[in-house]
Amino acid sequence: MSMIITWLGHSCFKLESEGYSIVIDPYADDFVPGLKKLRTSANFVLCSHQHDDHNGTSSVSLVDENAPNPFSIRTMTTPHDDAGGTKRGMNKVHILEAGGVCAAHFGDIGCALEEEQFAEVGQLDVAMIPIGGYYTIGAREAKELADALGVRIIIPMHYRAKNFGFPNIGELSEYTRLCDDVVYYDGNSIEVDEKTKSQTAVFKYIP
């Protein structure tokens, strides 16, 4: 029993379990600087909100849409900003469980969670958290969220690198320098089960 999590760039991930796949937050063509056009397939697509770096559903070819879905999916609504959503609207956190693993994709969360929201999220094995700031929470806020959640595996997303990303968001290093458990992968995926060690997982962008 496990879940395979693959980073496709920016905030886009593919989650797979028992032969079923879900893509979360695909980006539209030519929208995120430095990222090549996304072309992938999945059984299902989820979007945290309707900005073009998160709602490029036409980049995902849906296959076997009637296949049995082993994922349970819950959503929690949060503001996309620090002003109750008045600046950038609202955001959905997706919480998915399959293969004995519970993972949450925090979309473009732009503020700290309220106390009752931690209970709503529940116990996670994996959290995909934006770290870039400006449009989302920044590195320090993301680290505070990760620590408060007590998650075994953190995957940072929505950041800038030398060759990709929005110019007004922070670099990956602004987050990783706050961590003492960073694991750098030569690839862009991880298979998570009950034995996977605690870590901050950093993947390589593979077009």
N, C-alpha and C. Protein backbone atom coordinates (compact mmCIF):
# COMPACT_ATOMS: atom_id res chain seq x y z
N MET A 1 0.85 -1.19 0.00
CA MET A 1 0.00 0.00 0.00
C MET A 1 0.89 1.24 0.00
N SER A 2 0.67 2.11 -0.99
CA SER A 2 1.51 3.29 -1.09
C SER A 2 0.84 4.32 -1.98
N MET A 3 1.45 5.50 -2.04
CA MET A 3 1.03 6.56 -2.95
C MET A 3 2.28 7.10 -3.63
N ILE A 4 2.24 7.24 -4.94
CA ILE A 4 3.33 7.84 -5.70
C ILE A 4 2.98 9.30 -5.97
N ILE A 5 3.89 10.20 -5.61
CA ILE A 5 3.67 11.63 -5.79
C ILE A 5 4.75 12.15 -6.74
N THR A 6 4.33 12.73 -7.85
CA THR A 6 5.25 13.23 -8.87
C THR A 6 5.03 14.71 -9.07
N TRP A 7 6.12 15.47 -9.00
CA TRP A 7 6.05 16.92 -9.22
C TRP A 7 6.21 17.22 -10.70
N LEU A 8 5.27 17.97 -11.27
CA LEU A 8 5.29 18.30 -12.69
C LEU A 8 5.66 19.76 -12.95
N GLY A 9 6.05 20.47 -11.90
CA GLY A 9 6.44 21.86 -12.04
C GLY A 9 5.47 22.81 -11.36
N HIS A 10 6.02 23.88 -10.77
CA HIS A 10 5.24 24.92 -10.09
C HIS A 10 4.44 24.28 -8.94
N SER A 11 3.11 24.24 -9.04
CA SER A 11 2.29 23.62 -7.99
C SER A 11 1.56 22.39 -8.50
N CYS A 12 1.99 21.87 -9.63
CA CYS A 12 1.30 20.74 -10.26
C CYS A 12 1.92 19.41 -9.84
N PHE A 13 1.08 18.51 -9.37
CA PHE A 13 1.50 17.18 -8.95
C PHE A 13 0.56 16.13 -9.53
N LYS A 14 1.12 14.94 -9.72
CA LYS A 14 0.31 13.77 -10.04
C LYS A 14 0.41 12.80 -8.87
N LEU A 15 -0.74 12.39 -8.34
CA LEU A 15 -0.80 11.42 -7.27
C LEU A 15 -1.37 10.13 -7.82
N GLU A 16 -0.71 9.01 -7.50
CA GLU A 16 -1.12 7.71 -8.04
C GLU A 16 -1.20 6.66 -6.93
N SER A 17 -2.24 5.85 -7.00
CA SER A 17 -2.39 4.73 -6.09
C SER A 17 -3.31 3.70 -6.72
N GLU A 18 -2.94 2.45 -6.62
CA GLU A 18 -3.75 1.34 -7.13
C GLU A 18 -4.12 1.53 -8.60
N GLY A 19 -3.19 2.09 -9.38
CA GLY A 19 -3.39 2.26 -10.80
C GLY A 19 -4.24 3.44 -11.20
N TYR A 20 -4.65 4.25 -10.24
CA TYR A 20 -5.48 5.42 -10.50
C TYR A 20 -4.65 6.68 -10.28
N SER A 21 -4.86 7.72 -11.09
CA SER A 21 -4.05 8.92 -11.00
C SER A 21 -4.90 10.18 -10.97
N ILE A 22 -4.44 11.15 -10.18
CA ILE A 22 -5.09 12.45 -10.07
C ILE A 22 -4.02 13.53 -10.25
N VAL A 23 -4.28 14.48 -11.13
CA VAL A 23 -3.40 15.64 -11.29
C VAL A 23 -4.03 16.83 -10.58
N ILE A 24 -3.20 17.53 -9.80
CA ILE A 24 -3.66 18.70 -9.05
C ILE A 24 -2.96 19.94 -9.57
N ASP A 25 -3.72 20.98 -9.82
CA ASP A 25 -3.24 22.31 -10.20
C ASP A 25 -2.30 22.33 -11.41
N PRO A 26 -2.76 21.82 -12.55
CA PRO A 26 -1.96 21.95 -13.77
C PRO A 26 -1.89 23.41 -14.22
N TYR A 27 -0.78 23.80 -14.80
CA TYR A 27 -0.62 25.19 -15.23
C TYR A 27 -0.88 25.31 -16.73
N ALA A 28 -1.37 26.48 -17.13
CA ALA A 28 -1.69 26.73 -18.54
C ALA A 28 -0.42 26.96 -19.34
N ASP A 29 -0.52 26.76 -20.63
CA ASP A 29 0.62 26.94 -21.53
C ASP A 29 1.18 28.36 -21.45
N ASP A 30 2.50 28.46 -21.45
CA ASP A 30 3.21 29.74 -21.55
C ASP A 30 2.84 30.72 -20.45
N PHE A 31 2.47 30.22 -19.28
CA PHE A 31 2.06 31.12 -18.20
C PHE A 31 3.12 31.24 -17.12
N VAL A 32 3.71 30.13 -16.71
CA VAL A 32 4.76 30.17 -15.69
C VAL A 32 6.10 30.30 -16.41
N PRO A 33 6.85 31.37 -16.20
CA PRO A 33 8.12 31.57 -16.92
C PRO A 33 9.06 30.38 -16.73
N GLY A 34 9.63 29.92 -17.87
CA GLY A 34 10.64 28.88 -17.82
C GLY A 34 10.13 27.46 -17.85
N LEU A 35 8.83 27.26 -17.65
CA LEU A 35 8.28 25.91 -17.67
C LEU A 35 7.78 25.57 -19.07
N LYS A 36 8.12 24.39 -19.52
CA LYS A 36 7.63 23.94 -20.82
C LYS A 36 6.16 23.60 -20.73
N LYS A 37 5.51 23.52 -21.88
CA LYS A 37 4.09 23.19 -21.90
C LYS A 37 3.87 21.85 -21.22
N LEU A 38 2.89 21.83 -20.34
CA LEU A 38 2.57 20.62 -19.59
C LEU A 38 1.68 19.71 -20.44
N ARG A 39 2.10 18.47 -20.58
CA ARG A 39 1.29 17.48 -21.28
C ARG A 39 1.36 16.18 -20.48
N THR A 40 0.24 15.81 -19.88
CA THR A 40 0.21 14.59 -19.09
C THR A 40 -1.20 14.01 -19.16
N SER A 41 -1.39 12.85 -18.56
CA SER A 41 -2.70 12.20 -18.54
C SER A 41 -3.02 11.77 -17.12
N ALA A 42 -4.30 11.61 -16.85
CA ALA A 42 -4.75 11.20 -15.53
C ALA A 42 -6.20 10.76 -15.61
N ASN A 43 -6.66 10.11 -14.56
CA ASN A 43 -8.07 9.74 -14.47
C ASN A 43 -8.95 10.90 -14.01
N PHE A 44 -8.32 11.86 -13.31
CA PHE A 44 -9.11 12.94 -12.70
C PHE A 44 -8.21 14.16 -12.50
N VAL A 45 -8.82 15.35 -12.49
CA VAL A 45 -8.06 16.60 -12.29
C VAL A 45 -8.74 17.42 -11.20
N LEU A 46 -7.91 18.03 -10.35
CA LEU A 46 -8.39 18.93 -9.31
C LEU A 46 -7.66 20.27 -9.44
N CYS A 47 -8.38 21.36 -9.14
CA CYS A 47 -7.78 22.69 -9.16
C CYS A 47 -8.12 23.42 -7.86
N SER A 48 -7.12 24.07 -7.29
CA SER A 48 -7.34 24.78 -6.04
C SER A 48 -8.07 26.09 -6.24
N HIS A 49 -7.92 26.70 -7.42
CA HIS A 49 -8.60 27.94 -7.75
C HIS A 49 -8.43 28.20 -9.25
N GLN A 50 -9.00 29.29 -9.74
CA GLN A 50 -9.09 29.49 -11.18
C GLN A 50 -8.10 30.51 -11.74
N HIS A 51 -6.89 30.54 -11.21
CA HIS A 51 -5.82 31.32 -11.83
C HIS A 51 -5.06 30.42 -12.79
N ASP A 52 -4.50 31.02 -13.85
CA ASP A 52 -3.97 30.22 -14.95
C ASP A 52 -2.76 29.35 -14.60
N ASP A 53 -2.10 29.63 -13.50
CA ASP A 53 -0.99 28.74 -13.11
C ASP A 53 -1.48 27.57 -12.27
N HIS A 54 -2.82 27.44 -12.15
CA HIS A 54 -3.39 26.34 -11.36
C HIS A 54 -4.60 25.68 -12.02
N ASN A 55 -5.06 26.19 -13.14
CA ASN A 55 -6.31 25.65 -13.73
C ASN A 55 -6.17 25.25 -15.19
N GLY A 56 -4.95 24.88 -15.61
CA GLY A 56 -4.73 24.50 -17.00
C GLY A 56 -5.21 23.09 -17.31
N THR A 57 -6.48 22.87 -17.15
CA THR A 57 -7.02 21.52 -17.28
C THR A 57 -6.87 20.96 -18.70
N SER A 58 -6.79 21.82 -19.69
CA SER A 58 -6.64 21.34 -21.07
C SER A 58 -5.27 20.70 -21.30
N SER A 59 -4.35 20.89 -20.38
CA SER A 59 -3.03 20.26 -20.48
C SER A 59 -3.04 18.80 -20.03
N VAL A 60 -4.16 18.35 -19.48
CA VAL A 60 -4.27 16.99 -18.94
C VAL A 60 -5.29 16.21 -19.76
N SER A 61 -4.84 15.11 -20.34
CA SER A 61 -5.74 14.22 -21.08
C SER A 61 -6.37 13.24 -20.10
N LEU A 62 -7.70 13.26 -20.02
CA LEU A 62 -8.39 12.35 -19.12
C LEU A 62 -8.52 10.97 -19.76
N VAL A 63 -8.18 9.95 -18.97
CA VAL A 63 -8.23 8.57 -19.45
C VAL A 63 -9.05 7.73 -18.48
N ASP A 64 -9.81 6.82 -19.02
CA ASP A 64 -10.57 5.85 -18.21
C ASP A 64 -11.24 6.52 -17.01
N GLU A 65 -12.05 7.53 -17.31
CA GLU A 65 -12.65 8.33 -16.25
C GLU A 65 -13.59 7.53 -15.33
N ASN A 66 -14.04 6.40 -15.77
CA ASN A 66 -14.95 5.59 -14.96
C ASN A 66 -14.23 4.50 -14.16
N ALA A 67 -12.92 4.52 -14.16
CA ALA A 67 -12.16 3.54 -13.40
C ALA A 67 -12.44 3.72 -11.91
N PRO A 68 -12.39 2.63 -11.13
CA PRO A 68 -12.60 2.74 -9.67
C PRO A 68 -11.58 3.68 -9.05
N ASN A 69 -12.07 4.64 -8.28
CA ASN A 69 -11.21 5.64 -7.66
C ASN A 69 -10.92 5.25 -6.21
N PRO A 70 -9.66 4.91 -5.89
CA PRO A 70 -9.34 4.51 -4.52
C PRO A 70 -9.14 5.70 -3.58
N PHE A 71 -9.14 6.91 -4.13
CA PHE A 71 -8.87 8.10 -3.32
C PHE A 71 -10.14 8.60 -2.64
N SER A 72 -10.05 8.88 -1.36
CA SER A 72 -11.06 9.72 -0.73
C SER A 72 -10.55 11.15 -0.80
N ILE A 73 -11.44 12.09 -1.11
CA ILE A 73 -11.03 13.48 -1.35
C ILE A 73 -11.89 14.40 -0.51
N ARG A 74 -11.23 15.24 0.28
CA ARG A 74 -11.90 16.28 1.04
C ARG A 74 -11.32 17.64 0.65
N THR A 75 -12.09 18.69 0.82
CA THR A 75 -11.59 20.04 0.55
C THR A 75 -11.83 20.94 1.75
N MET A 76 -10.96 21.91 1.89
CA MET A 76 -11.11 22.94 2.91
C MET A 76 -10.82 24.28 2.25
N THR A 77 -11.67 25.26 2.46
CA THR A 77 -11.50 26.56 1.83
C THR A 77 -10.70 27.51 2.71
N THR A 78 -9.73 28.18 2.09
CA THR A 78 -8.93 29.19 2.79
C THR A 78 -8.81 30.41 1.88
N PRO A 79 -8.46 31.57 2.43
CA PRO A 79 -8.18 32.73 1.57
C PRO A 79 -6.89 32.52 0.77
N HIS A 80 -6.86 33.14 -0.42
CA HIS A 80 -5.69 33.15 -1.28
C HIS A 80 -4.74 34.28 -0.86
N ASP A 81 -5.12 35.03 0.17
CA ASP A 81 -4.32 36.19 0.58
C ASP A 81 -4.43 36.35 2.09
N ASP A 82 -3.86 37.44 2.59
CA ASP A 82 -3.90 37.70 4.03
C ASP A 82 -4.99 38.70 4.40
N ALA A 83 -5.98 38.85 3.51
CA ALA A 83 -7.06 39.81 3.73
C ALA A 83 -8.42 39.16 3.51
N GLY A 84 -8.53 37.91 3.93
CA GLY A 84 -9.81 37.21 3.85
C GLY A 84 -10.30 36.93 2.45
N GLY A 85 -9.41 36.96 1.48
CA GLY A 85 -9.78 36.68 0.10
C GLY A 85 -10.16 37.91 -0.70
N THR A 86 -10.08 39.10 -0.09
CA THR A 86 -10.49 40.31 -0.80
C THR A 86 -9.49 40.72 -1.88
N LYS A 87 -8.26 40.25 -1.80
CA LYS A 87 -7.25 40.61 -2.80
C LYS A 87 -7.24 39.63 -3.98
N ARG A 88 -7.27 38.32 -3.67
CA ARG A 88 -7.08 37.32 -4.72
C ARG A 88 -8.13 36.21 -4.70
N GLY A 89 -9.15 36.36 -3.90
CA GLY A 89 -10.19 35.34 -3.86
C GLY A 89 -9.89 34.22 -2.89
N MET A 90 -10.53 33.10 -3.10
CA MET A 90 -10.42 31.98 -2.18
C MET A 90 -9.65 30.82 -2.83
N ASN A 91 -9.24 29.91 -1.98
CA ASN A 91 -8.37 28.79 -2.36
C ASN A 91 -8.90 27.52 -1.73
N LYS A 92 -8.75 26.40 -2.42
CA LYS A 92 -9.15 25.11 -1.86
C LYS A 92 -7.92 24.27 -1.52
N VAL A 93 -7.88 23.79 -0.30
CA VAL A 93 -6.92 22.77 0.10
C VAL A 93 -7.55 21.42 -0.19
N HIS A 94 -6.84 20.57 -0.92
CA HIS A 94 -7.34 19.23 -1.21
C HIS A 94 -6.63 18.21 -0.34
N ILE A 95 -7.40 17.38 0.33
CA ILE A 95 -6.87 16.35 1.22
C ILE A 95 -7.27 15.00 0.65
N LEU A 96 -6.27 14.23 0.24
CA LEU A 96 -6.51 12.97 -0.46
C LEU A 96 -5.91 11.81 0.31
N GLU A 97 -6.66 10.73 0.40
CA GLU A 97 -6.18 9.55 1.11
C GLU A 97 -6.36 8.32 0.23
N ALA A 98 -5.28 7.56 0.10
CA ALA A 98 -5.31 6.29 -0.65
C ALA A 98 -4.03 5.53 -0.33
N GLY A 99 -4.08 4.23 -0.45
CA GLY A 99 -2.90 3.42 -0.22
C GLY A 99 -2.33 3.55 1.18
N GLY A 100 -3.18 3.88 2.14
CA GLY A 100 -2.72 4.04 3.50
C GLY A 100 -1.97 5.33 3.75
N VAL A 101 -2.03 6.27 2.81
CA VAL A 101 -1.30 7.54 2.91
C VAL A 101 -2.30 8.69 2.78
N CYS A 102 -2.12 9.70 3.62
CA CYS A 102 -2.96 10.90 3.55
C CYS A 102 -2.08 12.09 3.17
N ALA A 103 -2.44 12.76 2.09
CA ALA A 103 -1.65 13.88 1.57
C ALA A 103 -2.55 15.09 1.35
N ALA A 104 -2.01 16.27 1.63
CA ALA A 104 -2.75 17.50 1.41
C ALA A 104 -1.98 18.42 0.49
N HIS A 105 -2.69 18.96 -0.49
CA HIS A 105 -2.14 19.96 -1.41
C HIS A 105 -2.78 21.29 -1.02
N PHE A 106 -1.93 22.24 -0.58
CA PHE A 106 -2.44 23.47 -0.01
C PHE A 106 -2.70 24.58 -1.02
N GLY A 107 -2.58 24.26 -2.31
CA GLY A 107 -2.91 25.25 -3.34
C GLY A 107 -2.13 26.54 -3.14
N ASP A 108 -2.82 27.66 -3.27
CA ASP A 108 -2.21 28.98 -3.08
C ASP A 108 -2.66 29.57 -1.75
N ILE A 109 -2.52 28.82 -0.68
CA ILE A 109 -2.91 29.35 0.63
C ILE A 109 -2.11 30.62 0.91
N GLY A 110 -2.82 31.63 1.39
CA GLY A 110 -2.18 32.92 1.56
C GLY A 110 -2.18 33.43 2.99
N CYS A 111 -2.54 32.58 3.95
CA CYS A 111 -2.61 33.01 5.34
C CYS A 111 -2.42 31.80 6.25
N ALA A 112 -2.23 32.08 7.53
CA ALA A 112 -2.11 31.00 8.51
C ALA A 112 -3.46 30.32 8.69
N LEU A 113 -3.43 29.05 9.09
CA LEU A 113 -4.66 28.33 9.39
C LEU A 113 -5.22 28.77 10.74
N GLU A 114 -6.54 28.78 10.84
CA GLU A 114 -7.19 28.97 12.12
C GLU A 114 -7.08 27.67 12.93
N GLU A 115 -7.21 27.79 14.23
CA GLU A 115 -7.03 26.61 15.09
C GLU A 115 -7.96 25.47 14.71
N GLU A 116 -9.21 25.79 14.40
CA GLU A 116 -10.16 24.73 14.06
C GLU A 116 -9.85 24.09 12.72
N GLN A 117 -9.12 24.80 11.87
CA GLN A 117 -8.79 24.24 10.56
C GLN A 117 -7.75 23.13 10.66
N PHE A 118 -6.89 23.19 11.66
CA PHE A 118 -5.94 22.09 11.85
C PHE A 118 -6.68 20.78 12.12
N ALA A 119 -7.73 20.86 12.91
CA ALA A 119 -8.55 19.67 13.18
C ALA A 119 -9.25 19.21 11.91
N GLU A 120 -9.66 20.16 11.09
CA GLU A 120 -10.34 19.83 9.84
C GLU A 120 -9.40 19.11 8.87
N VAL A 121 -8.16 19.56 8.82
CA VAL A 121 -7.17 18.90 7.97
C VAL A 121 -6.89 17.49 8.47
N GLY A 122 -6.72 17.34 9.77
CA GLY A 122 -6.45 16.02 10.35
C GLY A 122 -4.98 15.64 10.26
N GLN A 123 -4.71 14.39 10.54
CA GLN A 123 -3.34 13.88 10.54
C GLN A 123 -2.89 13.55 9.12
N LEU A 124 -1.79 14.17 8.70
CA LEU A 124 -1.28 13.98 7.35
C LEU A 124 0.03 13.22 7.36
N ASP A 125 0.30 12.52 6.25
CA ASP A 125 1.62 11.95 6.01
C ASP A 125 2.46 12.87 5.12
N VAL A 126 1.78 13.58 4.20
CA VAL A 126 2.46 14.42 3.23
C VAL A 126 1.72 15.75 3.11
N ALA A 127 2.49 16.85 3.01
CA ALA A 127 1.89 18.15 2.73
C ALA A 127 2.68 18.84 1.63
N MET A 128 1.99 19.28 0.60
CA MET A 128 2.56 20.08 -0.48
C MET A 128 2.18 21.53 -0.20
N ILE A 129 3.18 22.35 0.13
CA ILE A 129 2.95 23.69 0.66
C ILE A 129 3.66 24.74 -0.18
N PRO A 130 2.96 25.82 -0.58
CA PRO A 130 3.63 26.90 -1.31
C PRO A 130 4.56 27.66 -0.37
N ILE A 131 5.69 28.12 -0.90
CA ILE A 131 6.69 28.77 -0.05
C ILE A 131 7.16 30.11 -0.60
N GLY A 132 6.68 30.51 -1.78
CA GLY A 132 7.28 31.62 -2.51
C GLY A 132 6.93 33.01 -2.04
N GLY A 133 5.85 33.16 -1.27
CA GLY A 133 5.45 34.49 -0.86
C GLY A 133 4.81 35.28 -1.99
N TYR A 134 4.48 36.51 -1.74
CA TYR A 134 3.83 37.47 -2.64
C TYR A 134 2.40 37.01 -2.99
N TYR A 135 2.24 35.91 -3.70
CA TYR A 135 0.91 35.39 -4.00
C TYR A 135 0.42 34.42 -2.93
N THR A 136 1.32 33.88 -2.15
CA THR A 136 1.01 32.85 -1.15
C THR A 136 1.76 33.17 0.14
N ILE A 137 1.66 32.28 1.10
CA ILE A 137 2.51 32.41 2.27
C ILE A 137 3.98 32.29 1.83
N GLY A 138 4.86 32.89 2.60
CA GLY A 138 6.28 32.85 2.30
C GLY A 138 6.99 31.74 3.04
N ALA A 139 8.30 31.72 2.94
CA ALA A 139 9.10 30.63 3.48
C ALA A 139 8.89 30.44 4.98
N ARG A 140 8.99 31.52 5.75
CA ARG A 140 8.86 31.38 7.20
C ARG A 140 7.45 30.97 7.61
N GLU A 141 6.45 31.53 6.95
CA GLU A 141 5.07 31.13 7.24
C GLU A 141 4.84 29.67 6.87
N ALA A 142 5.43 29.24 5.76
CA ALA A 142 5.29 27.85 5.33
C ALA A 142 5.94 26.91 6.33
N LYS A 143 7.12 27.30 6.85
CA LYS A 143 7.79 26.46 7.85
C LYS A 143 6.97 26.39 9.13
N GLU A 144 6.39 27.50 9.53
CA GLU A 144 5.53 27.49 10.72
C GLU A 144 4.33 26.58 10.51
N LEU A 145 3.75 26.62 9.32
CA LEU A 145 2.61 25.75 9.01
C LEU A 145 3.04 24.29 9.04
N ALA A 146 4.17 23.99 8.40
CA ALA A 146 4.66 22.61 8.37
C ALA A 146 4.90 22.08 9.78
N ASP A 147 5.52 22.90 10.62
CA ASP A 147 5.81 22.48 11.99
C ASP A 147 4.52 22.28 12.79
N ALA A 148 3.56 23.18 12.60
CA ALA A 148 2.30 23.07 13.33
C ALA A 148 1.50 21.84 12.91
N LEU A 149 1.61 21.47 11.63
CA LEU A 149 0.90 20.29 11.13
C LEU A 149 1.52 19.00 11.63
N GLY A 150 2.83 19.03 11.90
CA GLY A 150 3.52 17.82 12.34
C GLY A 150 3.55 16.74 11.27
N VAL A 151 3.74 17.16 10.02
CA VAL A 151 3.67 16.23 8.90
C VAL A 151 5.02 15.52 8.70
N ARG A 152 4.94 14.27 8.34
CA ARG A 152 6.16 13.47 8.14
C ARG A 152 6.95 13.93 6.92
N ILE A 153 6.27 14.25 5.83
CA ILE A 153 6.95 14.61 4.58
C ILE A 153 6.38 15.93 4.08
N ILE A 154 7.26 16.91 3.90
CA ILE A 154 6.89 18.20 3.34
C ILE A 154 7.48 18.32 1.95
N ILE A 155 6.66 18.75 0.99
CA ILE A 155 7.13 19.01 -0.36
C ILE A 155 6.87 20.48 -0.67
N PRO A 156 7.92 21.31 -0.74
CA PRO A 156 7.72 22.72 -1.08
C PRO A 156 7.34 22.88 -2.55
N MET A 157 6.55 23.91 -2.84
CA MET A 157 6.12 24.18 -4.21
C MET A 157 5.92 25.68 -4.39
N HIS A 158 5.63 26.09 -5.63
CA HIS A 158 5.31 27.49 -5.94
C HIS A 158 6.46 28.40 -5.54
N TYR A 159 7.65 28.11 -6.08
CA TYR A 159 8.82 28.91 -5.80
C TYR A 159 9.56 29.22 -7.10
N ARG A 160 10.61 30.02 -6.98
CA ARG A 160 11.41 30.43 -8.13
C ARG A 160 12.76 29.72 -8.10
N ALA A 161 13.22 29.30 -9.26
CA ALA A 161 14.56 28.73 -9.42
C ALA A 161 15.31 29.57 -10.45
N LYS A 162 16.54 29.20 -10.74
CA LYS A 162 17.33 29.98 -11.70
C LYS A 162 16.70 30.00 -13.08
N ASN A 163 16.04 28.91 -13.45
CA ASN A 163 15.54 28.79 -14.81
C ASN A 163 14.02 28.73 -14.94
N PHE A 164 13.30 28.92 -13.85
CA PHE A 164 11.84 28.94 -13.95
C PHE A 164 11.24 29.65 -12.73
N GLY A 165 9.97 30.01 -12.90
CA GLY A 165 9.22 30.61 -11.80
C GLY A 165 8.99 32.11 -11.97
N PHE A 166 7.95 32.60 -11.32
CA PHE A 166 7.63 34.02 -11.37
C PHE A 166 8.74 34.84 -10.70
N PRO A 167 9.13 35.96 -11.29
CA PRO A 167 10.25 36.72 -10.76
C PRO A 167 10.00 37.37 -9.40
N ASN A 168 8.72 37.53 -9.02
CA ASN A 168 8.43 38.21 -7.76
C ASN A 168 8.14 37.26 -6.60
N ILE A 169 8.43 35.96 -6.76
CA ILE A 169 8.29 35.04 -5.63
C ILE A 169 9.67 34.56 -5.18
N GLY A 170 9.72 34.00 -3.98
CA GLY A 170 10.99 33.62 -3.38
C GLY A 170 11.60 32.36 -3.96
N GLU A 171 12.88 32.20 -3.71
CA GLU A 171 13.61 31.02 -4.17
C GLU A 171 13.45 29.86 -3.18
N LEU A 172 13.69 28.67 -3.67
CA LEU A 172 13.61 27.46 -2.85
C LEU A 172 14.51 27.56 -1.63
N SER A 173 15.70 28.11 -1.80
CA SER A 173 16.68 28.16 -0.70
C SER A 173 16.18 28.94 0.50
N GLU A 174 15.25 29.89 0.28
CA GLU A 174 14.71 30.66 1.39
C GLU A 174 13.95 29.76 2.37
N TYR A 175 13.42 28.65 1.84
CA TYR A 175 12.74 27.68 2.70
C TYR A 175 13.69 26.60 3.20
N THR A 176 14.48 26.04 2.32
CA THR A 176 15.31 24.90 2.73
C THR A 176 16.34 25.27 3.79
N ARG A 177 16.77 26.53 3.84
CA ARG A 177 17.74 26.92 4.87
C ARG A 177 17.11 26.93 6.26
N LEU A 178 15.79 26.84 6.32
CA LEU A 178 15.09 26.76 7.60
C LEU A 178 14.91 25.31 8.05
N CYS A 179 15.30 24.36 7.21
CA CYS A 179 15.05 22.94 7.47
C CYS A 179 16.36 22.20 7.71
N ASP A 180 16.29 21.15 8.51
CA ASP A 180 17.48 20.32 8.74
C ASP A 180 17.28 18.88 8.27
N ASP A 181 16.27 18.66 7.42
CA ASP A 181 15.96 17.30 6.98
C ASP A 181 15.74 17.24 5.47
N VAL A 182 16.40 18.12 4.69
CA VAL A 182 16.15 18.19 3.26
C VAL A 182 16.77 17.00 2.53
N VAL A 183 15.99 16.38 1.68
CA VAL A 183 16.47 15.30 0.82
C VAL A 183 16.27 15.76 -0.63
N TYR A 184 17.37 15.83 -1.37
CA TYR A 184 17.32 16.25 -2.77
C TYR A 184 17.27 15.02 -3.67
N TYR A 185 16.28 14.97 -4.55
CA TYR A 185 16.08 13.82 -5.42
C TYR A 185 16.61 14.12 -6.82
N ASP A 186 17.18 13.10 -7.45
CA ASP A 186 17.62 13.24 -8.84
C ASP A 186 16.44 13.21 -9.80
N GLY A 187 15.33 12.67 -9.34
CA GLY A 187 14.12 12.62 -10.15
C GLY A 187 13.06 13.56 -9.61
N ASN A 188 11.82 13.33 -10.02
CA ASN A 188 10.74 14.23 -9.63
C ASN A 188 9.59 13.52 -8.94
N SER A 189 9.86 12.34 -8.32
CA SER A 189 8.77 11.64 -7.65
C SER A 189 9.26 10.89 -6.42
N ILE A 190 8.30 10.56 -5.57
CA ILE A 190 8.57 9.79 -4.36
C ILE A 190 7.42 8.81 -4.16
N GLU A 191 7.74 7.60 -3.74
CA GLU A 191 6.71 6.63 -3.37
C GLU A 191 6.63 6.60 -1.85
N VAL A 192 5.47 6.90 -1.32
CA VAL A 192 5.30 7.06 0.13
C VAL A 192 4.50 5.89 0.68
N ASP A 193 5.03 5.27 1.71
CA ASP A 193 4.29 4.28 2.49
C ASP A 193 4.57 4.54 3.96
N GLU A 194 4.17 3.59 4.81
CA GLU A 194 4.31 3.83 6.25
C GLU A 194 5.76 3.85 6.71
N LYS A 195 6.68 3.37 5.87
CA LYS A 195 8.09 3.32 6.25
C LYS A 195 8.91 4.49 5.74
N THR A 196 8.34 5.33 4.89
CA THR A 196 9.08 6.45 4.32
C THR A 196 9.50 7.41 5.43
N LYS A 197 10.78 7.76 5.46
CA LYS A 197 11.31 8.57 6.55
C LYS A 197 10.85 10.02 6.47
N SER A 198 10.87 10.68 7.61
CA SER A 198 10.53 12.10 7.67
C SER A 198 11.55 12.90 6.87
N GLN A 199 11.06 13.90 6.13
CA GLN A 199 11.96 14.67 5.28
C GLN A 199 11.25 15.86 4.67
N THR A 200 12.06 16.81 4.20
CA THR A 200 11.61 17.83 3.28
C THR A 200 12.11 17.41 1.91
N ALA A 201 11.19 17.00 1.04
CA ALA A 201 11.56 16.41 -0.24
C ALA A 201 11.63 17.48 -1.32
N VAL A 202 12.79 17.58 -1.98
CA VAL A 202 12.99 18.54 -3.05
C VAL A 202 13.27 17.76 -4.33
N PHE A 203 12.43 17.96 -5.32
CA PHE A 203 12.54 17.23 -6.59
C PHE A 203 13.22 18.08 -7.66
N LYS A 204 13.70 17.39 -8.67
CA LYS A 204 14.25 18.06 -9.85
C LYS A 204 13.12 18.28 -10.86
N TYR A 205 13.08 19.48 -11.44
CA TYR A 205 12.07 19.72 -12.47
C TYR A 205 12.47 18.98 -13.74
N ILE A 206 11.61 18.08 -14.19
CA ILE A 206 11.86 17.30 -15.39
C ILE A 206 10.77 17.61 -16.40
N PRO A 207 11.06 18.39 -17.43
CA PRO A 207 10.03 18.76 -18.42
C PRO A 207 9.45 17.54 -19.11
